[in-house]
Amino acid sequence: KADVCVAVGYLIGKDGTTSEFSMLKSWASTKSAGDGDAYW
């Protein structure tokens, strides 16, 4: 359990719902964490 943070971009539509999620930035506290697409 590394300390992790992510910033996720998203769209608020005209009806107030959210969609179009994309992780724009991320960080993990240990070098061993974050290896591979499956992790993030």
ModelCIF file with pLDDT and N, C-alpha, C, O atoms, coordinates in Angstrom:
data_MODEL
#
_entry.id   MODEL 
#
_entity.id                         1 
_entity.type                       polymer 
_entity.pdbx_number_of_molecules   1 
#
_entity_poly.entity_id                      1 
_entity_poly.type                           'polypeptide(L)' 
_entity_poly.nstd_linkage                   no 
_entity_poly.nstd_monomer                   no 
_entity_poly.pdbx_seq_one_letter_code       KADVCVAVGYLIGKDGTTSEFSMLKSWASTKSAGDGDAYW 
_entity_poly.pdbx_seq_one_letter_code_can   KADVCVAVGYLIGKDGTTSEFSMLKSWASTKSAGDGDAYW 
_entity_poly.pdbx_strand_id                 A 
#
loop_
_entity_poly_seq.entity_id 
_entity_poly_seq.num 
_entity_poly_seq.mon_id 
_entity_poly_seq.hetero 
1 1  LYS n 
1 2  ALA n 
1 3  ASP n 
1 4  VAL n 
1 5  CYS n 
1 6  VAL n 
1 7  ALA n 
1 8  VAL n 
1 9  GLY n 
1 10 TYR n 
1 11 LEU n 
1 12 ILE n 
1 13 GLY n 
1 14 LYS n 
1 15 ASP n 
1 16 GLY n 
1 17 THR n 
1 18 THR n 
1 19 SER n 
1 20 GLU n 
1 21 PHE n 
1 22 SER n 
1 23 MET n 
1 24 LEU n 
1 25 LYS n 
1 26 SER n 
1 27 TRP n 
1 28 ALA n 
1 29 SER n 
1 30 THR n 
1 31 LYS n 
1 32 SER n 
1 33 ALA n 
1 34 GLY n 
1 35 ASP n 
1 36 GLY n 
1 37 ASP n 
1 38 ALA n 
1 39 TYR n 
1 40 TRP n 
#
_struct_asym.id          A 
_struct_asym.entity_id   1 
#
loop_
_ma_qa_metric.id 
_ma_qa_metric.mode 
_ma_qa_metric.name 
_ma_qa_metric.software_group_id 
_ma_qa_metric.type 
1 global pLDDT . pLDDT 
2 local  pLDDT . pLDDT 
#
_ma_qa_metric_global.metric_id      1 
_ma_qa_metric_global.metric_value   89.60 
_ma_qa_metric_global.model_id       1 
_ma_qa_metric_global.ordinal_id     1 
#
loop_
_ma_qa_metric_local.label_asym_id 
_ma_qa_metric_local.label_comp_id 
_ma_qa_metric_local.label_seq_id 
_ma_qa_metric_local.metric_id 
_ma_qa_metric_local.metric_value 
_ma_qa_metric_local.model_id 
_ma_qa_metric_local.ordinal_id 
A LYS 1  2 89.00 1 1  
A ALA 2  2 92.00 1 2  
A ASP 3  2 95.00 1 3  
A VAL 4  2 95.00 1 4  
A CYS 5  2 96.00 1 5  
A VAL 6  2 96.00 1 6  
A ALA 7  2 97.00 1 7  
A VAL 8  2 97.00 1 8  
A GLY 9  2 97.00 1 9  
A TYR 10 2 97.00 1 10 
A LEU 11 2 97.00 1 11 
A ILE 12 2 98.00 1 12 
A GLY 13 2 97.00 1 13 
A LYS 14 2 95.00 1 14 
A ASP 15 2 96.00 1 15 
A GLY 16 2 97.00 1 16 
A THR 17 2 98.00 1 17 
A THR 18 2 98.00 1 18 
A SER 19 2 96.00 1 19 
A GLU 20 2 95.00 1 20 
A PHE 21 2 96.00 1 21 
A SER 22 2 94.00 1 22 
A MET 23 2 94.00 1 23 
A LEU 24 2 95.00 1 24 
A LYS 25 2 94.00 1 25 
A SER 26 2 93.00 1 26 
A TRP 27 2 94.00 1 27 
A ALA 28 2 92.00 1 28 
A SER 29 2 91.00 1 29 
A THR 30 2 84.00 1 30 
A LYS 31 2 70.00 1 31 
A SER 32 2 65.00 1 32 
A ALA 33 2 59.00 1 33 
A GLY 34 2 55.00 1 34 
A ASP 35 2 63.00 1 35 
A GLY 36 2 76.00 1 36 
A ASP 37 2 83.00 1 37 
A ALA 38 2 86.00 1 38 
A TYR 39 2 90.00 1 39 
A TRP 40 2 92.00 1 40 
#
loop_
_atom_site.group_PDB 
_atom_site.id 
_atom_site.type_symbol 
_atom_site.label_atom_id 
_atom_site.label_alt_id 
_atom_site.label_comp_id 
_atom_site.label_asym_id 
_atom_site.label_entity_id 
_atom_site.label_seq_id 
_atom_site.pdbx_PDB_ins_code 
_atom_site.Cartn_x 
_atom_site.Cartn_y 
_atom_site.Cartn_z 
_atom_site.occupancy 
_atom_site.B_iso_or_equiv 
_atom_site.pdbx_formal_charge 
_atom_site.auth_seq_id 
_atom_site.auth_comp_id 
_atom_site.auth_asym_id 
_atom_site.auth_atom_id 
_atom_site.pdbx_PDB_model_num 
ATOM 1   N N  . LYS A 1 1  ? 0.826   -1.211 0.000   1.00 89.00 ? 1  LYS A N  1 
ATOM 2   C CA . LYS A 1 1  ? 0.000   0.000  0.000   1.00 89.00 ? 1  LYS A CA 1 
ATOM 3   C C  . LYS A 1 1  ? 0.859   1.259  0.000   1.00 89.00 ? 1  LYS A C  1 
ATOM 4   O O  . LYS A 1 1  ? 1.138   1.835  1.052   1.00 89.00 ? 1  LYS A O  1 
ATOM 5   N N  . ALA A 1 2  ? 1.269   1.672  -1.178  1.00 92.00 ? 2  ALA A N  1 
ATOM 6   C CA . ALA A 1 2  ? 1.988   2.933  -1.303  1.00 92.00 ? 2  ALA A CA 1 
ATOM 7   C C  . ALA A 1 2  ? 1.008   4.095  -1.212  1.00 92.00 ? 2  ALA A C  1 
ATOM 8   O O  . ALA A 1 2  ? -0.180  3.938  -1.492  1.00 92.00 ? 2  ALA A O  1 
ATOM 9   N N  . ASP A 1 3  ? 1.505   5.249  -0.824  1.00 95.00 ? 3  ASP A N  1 
ATOM 10  C CA . ASP A 1 3  ? 0.704   6.461  -0.911  1.00 95.00 ? 3  ASP A CA 1 
ATOM 11  C C  . ASP A 1 3  ? 0.605   6.841  -2.387  1.00 95.00 ? 3  ASP A C  1 
ATOM 12  O O  . ASP A 1 3  ? 1.618   6.913  -3.084  1.00 95.00 ? 3  ASP A O  1 
ATOM 13  N N  . VAL A 1 4  ? -0.601  7.081  -2.855  1.00 95.00 ? 4  VAL A N  1 
ATOM 14  C CA . VAL A 1 4  ? -0.842  7.352  -4.270  1.00 95.00 ? 4  VAL A CA 1 
ATOM 15  C C  . VAL A 1 4  ? -1.817  8.513  -4.397  1.00 95.00 ? 4  VAL A C  1 
ATOM 16  O O  . VAL A 1 4  ? -2.725  8.669  -3.580  1.00 95.00 ? 4  VAL A O  1 
ATOM 17  N N  . CYS A 1 5  ? -1.622  9.313  -5.415  1.00 96.00 ? 5  CYS A N  1 
ATOM 18  C CA . CYS A 1 5  ? -2.631  10.322 -5.758  1.00 96.00 ? 5  CYS A CA 1 
ATOM 19  C C  . CYS A 1 5  ? -2.793  10.338 -7.276  1.00 96.00 ? 5  CYS A C  1 
ATOM 20  O O  . CYS A 1 5  ? -1.872  9.994  -8.017  1.00 96.00 ? 5  CYS A O  1 
ATOM 21  N N  . VAL A 1 6  ? -3.967  10.740 -7.716  1.00 96.00 ? 6  VAL A N  1 
ATOM 22  C CA . VAL A 1 6  ? -4.242  10.868 -9.142  1.00 96.00 ? 6  VAL A CA 1 
ATOM 23  C C  . VAL A 1 6  ? -5.082  12.118 -9.374  1.00 96.00 ? 6  VAL A C  1 
ATOM 24  O O  . VAL A 1 6  ? -5.883  12.515 -8.527  1.00 96.00 ? 6  VAL A O  1 
ATOM 25  N N  . ALA A 1 7  ? -4.884  12.728 -10.537 1.00 97.00 ? 7  ALA A N  1 
ATOM 26  C CA . ALA A 1 7  ? -5.741  13.830 -10.988 1.00 97.00 ? 7  ALA A CA 1 
ATOM 27  C C  . ALA A 1 7  ? -6.481  13.348 -12.219 1.00 97.00 ? 7  ALA A C  1 
ATOM 28  O O  . ALA A 1 7  ? -5.859  12.970 -13.212 1.00 97.00 ? 7  ALA A O  1 
ATOM 29  N N  . VAL A 1 8  ? -7.805  13.359 -12.163 1.00 97.00 ? 8  VAL A N  1 
ATOM 30  C CA . VAL A 1 8  ? -8.628  12.828 -13.243 1.00 97.00 ? 8  VAL A CA 1 
ATOM 31  C C  . VAL A 1 8  ? -9.433  13.958 -13.875 1.00 97.00 ? 8  VAL A C  1 
ATOM 32  O O  . VAL A 1 8  ? -10.212 14.629 -13.197 1.00 97.00 ? 8  VAL A O  1 
ATOM 33  N N  . GLY A 1 9  ? -9.243  14.161 -15.162 1.00 97.00 ? 9  GLY A N  1 
ATOM 34  C CA . GLY A 1 9  ? -10.040 15.131 -15.896 1.00 97.00 ? 9  GLY A CA 1 
ATOM 35  C C  . GLY A 1 9  ? -11.389 14.531 -16.245 1.00 97.00 ? 9  GLY A C  1 
ATOM 36  O O  . GLY A 1 9  ? -11.498 13.327 -16.478 1.00 97.00 ? 9  GLY A O  1 
ATOM 37  N N  . TYR A 1 10 ? -12.423 15.374 -16.280 1.00 97.00 ? 10 TYR A N  1 
ATOM 38  C CA . TYR A 1 10 ? -13.764 14.867 -16.610 1.00 97.00 ? 10 TYR A CA 1 
ATOM 39  C C  . TYR A 1 10 ? -14.621 15.985 -17.176 1.00 97.00 ? 10 TYR A C  1 
ATOM 40  O O  . TYR A 1 10 ? -14.355 17.170 -16.975 1.00 97.00 ? 10 TYR A O  1 
ATOM 41  N N  . LEU A 1 11 ? -15.649 15.571 -17.885 1.00 97.00 ? 11 LEU A N  1 
ATOM 42  C CA . LEU A 1 11 ? -16.592 16.500 -18.501 1.00 97.00 ? 11 LEU A CA 1 
ATOM 43  C C  . LEU A 1 11 ? -17.882 16.550 -17.701 1.00 97.00 ? 11 LEU A C  1 
ATOM 44  O O  . LEU A 1 11 ? -18.438 15.512 -17.342 1.00 97.00 ? 11 LEU A O  1 
ATOM 45  N N  . ILE A 1 12 ? -18.356 17.751 -17.424 1.00 98.00 ? 12 ILE A N  1 
ATOM 46  C CA . ILE A 1 12 ? -19.703 17.938 -16.881 1.00 98.00 ? 12 ILE A CA 1 
ATOM 47  C C  . ILE A 1 12 ? -20.590 18.308 -18.056 1.00 98.00 ? 12 ILE A C  1 
ATOM 48  O O  . ILE A 1 12 ? -20.402 19.348 -18.689 1.00 98.00 ? 12 ILE A O  1 
ATOM 49  N N  . GLY A 1 13 ? -21.561 17.445 -18.343 1.00 97.00 ? 13 GLY A N  1 
ATOM 50  C CA . GLY A 1 13 ? -22.444 17.678 -19.477 1.00 97.00 ? 13 GLY A CA 1 
ATOM 51  C C  . GLY A 1 13 ? -23.545 18.675 -19.156 1.00 97.00 ? 13 GLY A C  1 
ATOM 52  O O  . GLY A 1 13 ? -23.685 19.117 -18.016 1.00 97.00 ? 13 GLY A O  1 
ATOM 53  N N  . LYS A 1 14 ? -24.319 19.022 -20.167 1.00 95.00 ? 14 LYS A N  1 
ATOM 54  C CA . LYS A 1 14 ? -25.407 19.984 -19.985 1.00 95.00 ? 14 LYS A CA 1 
ATOM 55  C C  . LYS A 1 14 ? -26.413 19.523 -18.945 1.00 95.00 ? 14 LYS A C  1 
ATOM 56  O O  . LYS A 1 14 ? -27.056 20.337 -18.282 1.00 95.00 ? 14 LYS A O  1 
ATOM 57  N N  . ASP A 1 15 ? -26.545 18.195 -18.809 1.00 96.00 ? 15 ASP A N  1 
ATOM 58  C CA . ASP A 1 15 ? -27.511 17.664 -17.847 1.00 96.00 ? 15 ASP A CA 1 
ATOM 59  C C  . ASP A 1 15 ? -26.905 17.449 -16.464 1.00 96.00 ? 15 ASP A C  1 
ATOM 60  O O  . ASP A 1 15 ? -27.571 16.919 -15.574 1.00 96.00 ? 15 ASP A O  1 
ATOM 61  N N  . GLY A 1 16 ? -25.639 17.857 -16.274 1.00 97.00 ? 16 GLY A N  1 
ATOM 62  C CA . GLY A 1 16 ? -25.001 17.753 -14.959 1.00 97.00 ? 16 GLY A CA 1 
ATOM 63  C C  . GLY A 1 16 ? -24.339 16.418 -14.676 1.00 97.00 ? 16 GLY A C  1 
ATOM 64  O O  . GLY A 1 16 ? -23.752 16.242 -13.608 1.00 97.00 ? 16 GLY A O  1 
ATOM 65  N N  . THR A 1 17 ? -24.416 15.462 -15.611 1.00 98.00 ? 17 THR A N  1 
ATOM 66  C CA . THR A 1 17 ? -23.739 14.191 -15.405 1.00 98.00 ? 17 THR A CA 1 
ATOM 67  C C  . THR A 1 17 ? -22.268 14.325 -15.799 1.00 98.00 ? 17 THR A C  1 
ATOM 68  O O  . THR A 1 17 ? -21.872 15.273 -16.476 1.00 98.00 ? 17 THR A O  1 
ATOM 69  N N  . THR A 1 18 ? -21.474 13.355 -15.359 1.00 98.00 ? 18 THR A N  1 
ATOM 70  C CA . THR A 1 18 ? -20.035 13.391 -15.619 1.00 98.00 ? 18 THR A CA 1 
ATOM 71  C C  . THR A 1 18 ? -19.641 12.252 -16.558 1.00 98.00 ? 18 THR A C  1 
ATOM 72  O O  . THR A 1 18 ? -20.235 11.174 -16.533 1.00 98.00 ? 18 THR A O  1 
ATOM 73  N N  . SER A 1 19 ? -18.625 12.512 -17.386 1.00 96.00 ? 19 SER A N  1 
ATOM 74  C CA . SER A 1 19 ? -18.156 11.508 -18.337 1.00 96.00 ? 19 SER A CA 1 
ATOM 75  C C  . SER A 1 19 ? -16.770 11.909 -18.824 1.00 96.00 ? 19 SER A C  1 
ATOM 76  O O  . SER A 1 19 ? -16.175 12.867 -18.330 1.00 96.00 ? 19 SER A O  1 
ATOM 77  N N  . GLU A 1 20 ? -16.264 11.156 -19.806 1.00 95.00 ? 20 GLU A N  1 
ATOM 78  C CA . GLU A 1 20 ? -14.984 11.448 -20.449 1.00 95.00 ? 20 GLU A CA 1 
ATOM 79  C C  . GLU A 1 20 ? -13.830 11.527 -19.440 1.00 95.00 ? 20 GLU A C  1 
ATOM 80  O O  . GLU A 1 20 ? -13.100 12.517 -19.400 1.00 95.00 ? 20 GLU A O  1 
ATOM 81  N N  . PHE A 1 21 ? -13.676 10.483 -18.635 1.00 96.00 ? 21 PHE A N  1 
ATOM 82  C CA . PHE A 1 21 ? -12.665 10.469 -17.586 1.00 96.00 ? 21 PHE A CA 1 
ATOM 83  C C  . PHE A 1 21 ? -11.292 10.125 -18.167 1.00 96.00 ? 21 PHE A C  1 
ATOM 84  O O  . PHE A 1 21 ? -11.155 9.186  -18.951 1.00 96.00 ? 21 PHE A O  1 
ATOM 85  N N  . SER A 1 22 ? -10.279 10.899 -17.772 1.00 94.00 ? 22 SER A N  1 
ATOM 86  C CA . SER A 1 22 ? -8.894  10.621 -18.162 1.00 94.00 ? 22 SER A CA 1 
ATOM 87  C C  . SER A 1 22 ? -7.975  10.986 -17.008 1.00 94.00 ? 22 SER A C  1 
ATOM 88  O O  . SER A 1 22 ? -8.069  12.081 -16.452 1.00 94.00 ? 22 SER A O  1 
ATOM 89  N N  . MET A 1 23 ? -7.083  10.063 -16.647 1.00 94.00 ? 23 MET A N  1 
ATOM 90  C CA . MET A 1 23 ? -6.107  10.357 -15.611 1.00 94.00 ? 23 MET A CA 1 
ATOM 91  C C  . MET A 1 23 ? -5.018  11.239 -16.211 1.00 94.00 ? 23 MET A C  1 
ATOM 92  O O  . MET A 1 23 ? -4.276  10.800 -17.090 1.00 94.00 ? 23 MET A O  1 
ATOM 93  N N  . LEU A 1 24 ? -4.921  12.464 -15.747 1.00 95.00 ? 24 LEU A N  1 
ATOM 94  C CA . LEU A 1 24 ? -4.006  13.440 -16.315 1.00 95.00 ? 24 LEU A CA 1 
ATOM 95  C C  . LEU A 1 24 ? -2.674  13.510 -15.585 1.00 95.00 ? 24 LEU A C  1 
ATOM 96  O O  . LEU A 1 24 ? -1.683  13.983 -16.141 1.00 95.00 ? 24 LEU A O  1 
ATOM 97  N N  . LYS A 1 25 ? -2.646  13.040 -14.342 1.00 94.00 ? 25 LYS A N  1 
ATOM 98  C CA . LYS A 1 25 ? -1.426  13.133 -13.544 1.00 94.00 ? 25 LYS A CA 1 
ATOM 99  C C  . LYS A 1 25 ? -1.509  12.111 -12.424 1.00 94.00 ? 25 LYS A C  1 
ATOM 100 O O  . LYS A 1 25 ? -2.595  11.830 -11.916 1.00 94.00 ? 25 LYS A O  1 
ATOM 101 N N  . SER A 1 26 ? -0.365  11.551 -12.033 1.00 93.00 ? 26 SER A N  1 
ATOM 102 C CA . SER A 1 26 ? -0.377  10.574 -10.950 1.00 93.00 ? 26 SER A CA 1 
ATOM 103 C C  . SER A 1 26 ? 0.969   10.553 -10.261 1.00 93.00 ? 26 SER A C  1 
ATOM 104 O O  . SER A 1 26 ? 1.970   11.026 -10.801 1.00 93.00 ? 26 SER A O  1 
ATOM 105 N N  . TRP A 1 27 ? 0.980   9.999  -9.064  1.00 94.00 ? 27 TRP A N  1 
ATOM 106 C CA . TRP A 1 27 ? 2.204   9.953  -8.245  1.00 94.00 ? 27 TRP A CA 1 
ATOM 107 C C  . TRP A 1 27 ? 2.089   8.814  -7.250  1.00 94.00 ? 27 TRP A C  1 
ATOM 108 O O  . TRP A 1 27 ? 1.012   8.551  -6.715  1.00 94.00 ? 27 TRP A O  1 
ATOM 109 N N  . ALA A 1 28 ? 3.205   8.138  -7.004  1.00 92.00 ? 28 ALA A N  1 
ATOM 110 C CA . ALA A 1 28 ? 3.267   7.081  -5.985  1.00 92.00 ? 28 ALA A CA 1 
ATOM 111 C C  . ALA A 1 28 ? 4.492   7.315  -5.116  1.00 92.00 ? 28 ALA A C  1 
ATOM 112 O O  . ALA A 1 28 ? 5.503   7.839  -5.582  1.00 92.00 ? 28 ALA A O  1 
ATOM 113 N N  . SER A 1 29 ? 4.396   6.922  -3.846  1.00 91.00 ? 29 SER A N  1 
ATOM 114 C CA . SER A 1 29 ? 5.447   7.245  -2.877  1.00 91.00 ? 29 SER A CA 1 
ATOM 115 C C  . SER A 1 29 ? 6.665   6.346  -2.963  1.00 91.00 ? 29 SER A C  1 
ATOM 116 O O  . SER A 1 29 ? 7.714   6.693  -2.420  1.00 91.00 ? 29 SER A O  1 
ATOM 117 N N  . THR A 1 30 ? 6.561   5.205  -3.625  1.00 84.00 ? 30 THR A N  1 
ATOM 118 C CA . THR A 1 30 ? 7.689   4.283  -3.708  1.00 84.00 ? 30 THR A CA 1 
ATOM 119 C C  . THR A 1 30 ? 8.036   4.003  -5.161  1.00 84.00 ? 30 THR A C  1 
ATOM 120 O O  . THR A 1 30 ? 7.170   4.019  -6.035  1.00 84.00 ? 30 THR A O  1 
ATOM 121 N N  . LYS A 1 31 ? 9.302   3.748  -5.403  1.00 70.00 ? 31 LYS A N  1 
ATOM 122 C CA . LYS A 1 31 ? 9.762   3.486  -6.760  1.00 70.00 ? 31 LYS A CA 1 
ATOM 123 C C  . LYS A 1 31 ? 9.213   2.177  -7.296  1.00 70.00 ? 31 LYS A C  1 
ATOM 124 O O  . LYS A 1 31 ? 8.998   2.040  -8.500  1.00 70.00 ? 31 LYS A O  1 
ATOM 125 N N  . SER A 1 32 ? 8.987   1.221  -6.421  1.00 65.00 ? 32 SER A N  1 
ATOM 126 C CA . SER A 1 32 ? 8.482   -0.072 -6.871  1.00 65.00 ? 32 SER A CA 1 
ATOM 127 C C  . SER A 1 32 ? 7.016   -0.005 -7.289  1.00 65.00 ? 32 SER A C  1 
ATOM 128 O O  . SER A 1 32 ? 6.538   -0.838 -8.059  1.00 65.00 ? 32 SER A O  1 
ATOM 129 N N  . ALA A 1 33 ? 6.309   1.002  -6.768  1.00 59.00 ? 33 ALA A N  1 
ATOM 130 C CA . ALA A 1 33 ? 4.895   1.163  -7.129  1.00 59.00 ? 33 ALA A CA 1 
ATOM 131 C C  . ALA A 1 33 ? 4.786   1.827  -8.496  1.00 59.00 ? 33 ALA A C  1 
ATOM 132 O O  . ALA A 1 33 ? 5.676   2.559  -8.930  1.00 59.00 ? 33 ALA A O  1 
ATOM 133 N N  . GLY A 1 34 ? 3.706   1.557  -9.136  1.00 55.00 ? 34 GLY A N  1 
ATOM 134 C CA . GLY A 1 34 ? 3.442   2.252  -10.385 1.00 55.00 ? 34 GLY A CA 1 
ATOM 135 C C  . GLY A 1 34 ? 4.070   1.629  -11.605 1.00 55.00 ? 34 GLY A C  1 
ATOM 136 O O  . GLY A 1 34 ? 4.110   2.261  -12.660 1.00 55.00 ? 34 GLY A O  1 
ATOM 137 N N  . ASP A 1 35 ? 4.566   0.400  -11.496 1.00 63.00 ? 35 ASP A N  1 
ATOM 138 C CA . ASP A 1 35 ? 5.157   -0.265 -12.647 1.00 63.00 ? 35 ASP A CA 1 
ATOM 139 C C  . ASP A 1 35 ? 4.067   -0.987 -13.430 1.00 63.00 ? 35 ASP A C  1 
ATOM 140 O O  . ASP A 1 35 ? 3.452   -1.925 -12.923 1.00 63.00 ? 35 ASP A O  1 
ATOM 141 N N  . GLY A 1 36 ? 3.833   -0.557 -14.642 1.00 76.00 ? 36 GLY A N  1 
ATOM 142 C CA . GLY A 1 36 ? 2.884   -1.259 -15.497 1.00 76.00 ? 36 GLY A CA 1 
ATOM 143 C C  . GLY A 1 36 ? 1.538   -0.582 -15.602 1.00 76.00 ? 36 GLY A C  1 
ATOM 144 O O  . GLY A 1 36 ? 1.086   0.101  -14.683 1.00 76.00 ? 36 GLY A O  1 
ATOM 145 N N  . ASP A 1 37 ? 0.904   -0.786 -16.748 1.00 83.00 ? 37 ASP A N  1 
ATOM 146 C CA . ASP A 1 37 ? -0.401  -0.186 -17.007 1.00 83.00 ? 37 ASP A CA 1 
ATOM 147 C C  . ASP A 1 37 ? -1.479  -0.711 -16.064 1.00 83.00 ? 37 ASP A C  1 
ATOM 148 O O  . ASP A 1 37 ? -2.395  0.024  -15.697 1.00 83.00 ? 37 ASP A O  1 
ATOM 149 N N  . ALA A 1 38 ? -1.372  -1.978 -15.671 1.00 86.00 ? 38 ALA A N  1 
ATOM 150 C CA . ALA A 1 38 ? -2.404  -2.559 -14.805 1.00 86.00 ? 38 ALA A CA 1 
ATOM 151 C C  . ALA A 1 38 ? -2.473  -1.831 -13.471 1.00 86.00 ? 38 ALA A C  1 
ATOM 152 O O  . ALA A 1 38 ? -3.553  -1.640 -12.914 1.00 86.00 ? 38 ALA A O  1 
ATOM 153 N N  . TYR A 1 39 ? -1.317  -1.428 -12.964 1.00 90.00 ? 39 TYR A N  1 
ATOM 154 C CA . TYR A 1 39 ? -1.279  -0.736 -11.666 1.00 90.00 ? 39 TYR A CA 1 
ATOM 155 C C  . TYR A 1 39 ? -2.065  0.577  -11.745 1.00 90.00 ? 39 TYR A C  1 
ATOM 156 O O  . TYR A 1 39 ? -2.990  0.806  -10.966 1.00 90.00 ? 39 TYR A O  1 
ATOM 157 N N  . TRP A 1 40 ? -1.686  1.430  -12.692 1.00 92.00 ? 40 TRP A N  1 
ATOM 158 C CA . TRP A 1 40 ? -2.345  2.737  -12.763 1.00 92.00 ? 40 TRP A CA 1 
ATOM 159 C C  . TRP A 1 40 ? -3.765  2.616  -13.294 1.00 92.00 ? 40 TRP A C  1 
ATOM 160 O O  . TRP A 1 40 ? -4.465  3.620  -13.419 1.00 92.00 ? 40 TRP A O  1 
#
